[in-house]
């Protein structure tokens, strides 16, 4: 798996980890965070390599399915880009307006409550 794909899966895992089974979470942590091979995971979990591979593939499919439906990761990335654009605009056009900078910083760090 190439680095871009691994990075993408790690990002999705950050958003949707709790929606996976405990076993899928563990296998993805082994594989992506701890950089274990399929063989090493199989040995650690005393299961077949095929079982590990199947679980990892199913978990990745689930992560991609959740993202296709919910768009949390892509929306987060878009928001980050927009936040950066706003901060650059303020720095360029209002570099001395500390009140504006403070208000925008508060806005960017405030969690939205449901």
Protein backbone atom coordinates (compact mmCIF):
# COMPACT_ATOMS: atom_id res chain seq x y z
CA UNK A 1 0.00 0.00 0.00
CA UNK A 2 1.44 3.38 -0.96
CA UNK A 3 2.01 6.22 1.49
CA UNK A 4 -0.87 8.36 0.19
CA UNK A 5 -3.34 5.48 0.65
CA UNK A 6 -1.99 4.77 4.17
CA UNK A 7 -2.33 8.43 5.09
CA UNK A 8 -5.89 8.50 3.78
CA UNK A 9 -6.86 5.38 5.75
CA UNK A 10 -5.28 6.81 8.91
CA UNK A 11 -7.31 9.99 8.49
CA UNK A 12 -10.52 8.02 8.03
CA UNK A 13 -9.63 5.84 11.01
CA UNK A 14 -9.37 8.99 13.13
CA UNK A 15 -12.95 9.92 12.27
CA UNK A 16 -14.66 6.53 12.18
CA UNK A 17 -12.62 4.28 14.49
CA UNK A 18 -15.42 3.80 17.01
CA UNK A 19 -17.76 2.54 14.29
CA UNK A 20 -15.56 -0.49 13.64
CA UNK A 21 -15.49 -3.70 15.66
CA UNK A 22 -12.88 -4.03 18.40
CA UNK A 23 -11.02 -6.58 16.29
CA UNK A 24 -10.99 -4.31 13.23
CA UNK A 25 -9.75 -1.43 15.36
CA UNK A 26 -6.96 -3.56 16.80
CA UNK A 27 -5.85 -4.91 13.42
CA UNK A 28 -5.81 -1.44 11.86
CA UNK A 29 -3.78 -0.10 14.80
CA UNK A 30 -1.30 -2.93 14.38
CA UNK A 31 -1.06 -2.44 10.64
CA UNK A 32 -1.13 1.34 10.27
CA UNK A 33 0.05 2.74 13.59
CA UNK A 34 2.50 0.07 14.75
CA UNK A 35 3.58 -0.88 11.20
CA UNK A 36 3.14 -4.62 11.79
CA UNK A 37 3.03 -6.93 8.82
CA UNK A 38 0.09 -9.27 8.22
CA UNK A 39 2.28 -12.14 9.43
CA UNK A 40 3.21 -10.29 12.64
CA UNK A 41 -0.42 -9.48 13.39
CA UNK A 42 -1.45 -13.09 12.75
CA UNK A 43 1.24 -14.30 15.15
CA UNK A 44 0.31 -11.73 17.81
CA UNK A 45 -3.39 -12.60 17.59
CA UNK A 46 -2.86 -16.34 16.93
CA UNK A 47 -5.06 -16.31 13.83
CA UNK A 48 -4.40 -17.02 10.18
CA UNK A 49 -2.85 -14.46 7.84
CA UNK A 50 -5.99 -14.73 5.73
CA UNK A 51 -8.16 -13.80 8.71
CA UNK A 52 -6.02 -10.73 9.38
CA UNK A 53 -6.02 -9.71 5.74
CA UNK A 54 -9.78 -10.17 5.43
CA UNK A 55 -10.43 -8.12 8.59
CA UNK A 56 -8.15 -5.30 7.48
CA UNK A 57 -9.73 -5.19 4.03
CA UNK A 58 -13.26 -5.22 5.48
CA UNK A 59 -12.33 -2.47 7.93
CA UNK A 60 -10.90 -0.31 5.14
CA UNK A 61 -14.04 -0.88 3.07
CA UNK A 62 -16.15 0.16 6.07
CA UNK A 63 -14.10 3.32 6.62
CA UNK A 64 -14.50 4.28 2.98
CA UNK A 65 -18.22 3.51 3.09
CA UNK A 66 -18.69 5.72 6.15
CA UNK A 67 -16.78 8.56 4.47
CA UNK A 68 -18.82 8.23 1.27
CA UNK A 69 -21.98 8.63 3.31
CA UNK A 70 -20.93 11.10 6.03
CA UNK A 71 -18.08 13.09 4.41
CA UNK A 72 -16.55 13.97 7.79
CA UNK A 73 -12.93 13.78 6.65
CA UNK A 74 -13.38 15.69 3.40
CA UNK A 75 -15.51 18.34 5.13
CA UNK A 76 -12.84 18.70 7.82
CA UNK A 77 -10.13 19.17 5.19
CA UNK A 78 -12.23 21.80 3.39
CA UNK A 79 -12.82 23.64 6.65
CA UNK A 80 -9.11 23.60 7.46
CA UNK A 81 -8.31 25.08 4.04
CA UNK A 82 -10.96 27.78 4.49
CA UNK A 83 -9.65 28.62 7.97
CA UNK A 84 -6.15 29.02 6.55
CA UNK A 85 -7.49 31.29 3.80
CA UNK A 86 -9.31 33.48 6.35
CA UNK A 87 -6.22 33.74 8.55
CA UNK A 88 -4.05 34.68 5.54
CA UNK A 89 -6.58 37.28 4.40
CA UNK A 90 -6.68 38.87 7.83
CA UNK A 91 -2.88 38.87 8.07
CA UNK A 92 -2.64 40.51 4.63
CA UNK A 93 -5.44 43.09 4.90
CA UNK A 94 -5.83 43.62 8.66
CA UNK A 95 -2.42 42.87 10.19
CA UNK A 96 -2.87 45.31 13.08
CA UNK A 97 -6.46 44.39 14.01
CA UNK A 98 -5.85 42.28 17.11
CA UNK A 99 -9.53 42.24 18.06
CA UNK A 100 -10.44 40.71 14.70
CA UNK A 101 -7.63 38.17 15.04
CA UNK A 102 -8.82 37.22 18.53
CA UNK A 103 -12.44 36.86 17.44
CA UNK A 104 -11.51 34.67 14.47
CA UNK A 105 -9.23 32.55 16.66
CA UNK A 106 -12.08 32.04 19.13
CA UNK A 107 -14.39 31.10 16.28
CA UNK A 108 -11.90 28.59 14.90
CA UNK A 109 -11.28 26.93 18.27
CA UNK A 110 -14.90 26.78 19.44
CA UNK A 111 -16.57 23.40 19.19
CA UNK A 112 -20.08 23.29 17.85
CA UNK A 113 -22.44 21.71 20.37
CA UNK A 114 -25.44 19.73 19.18
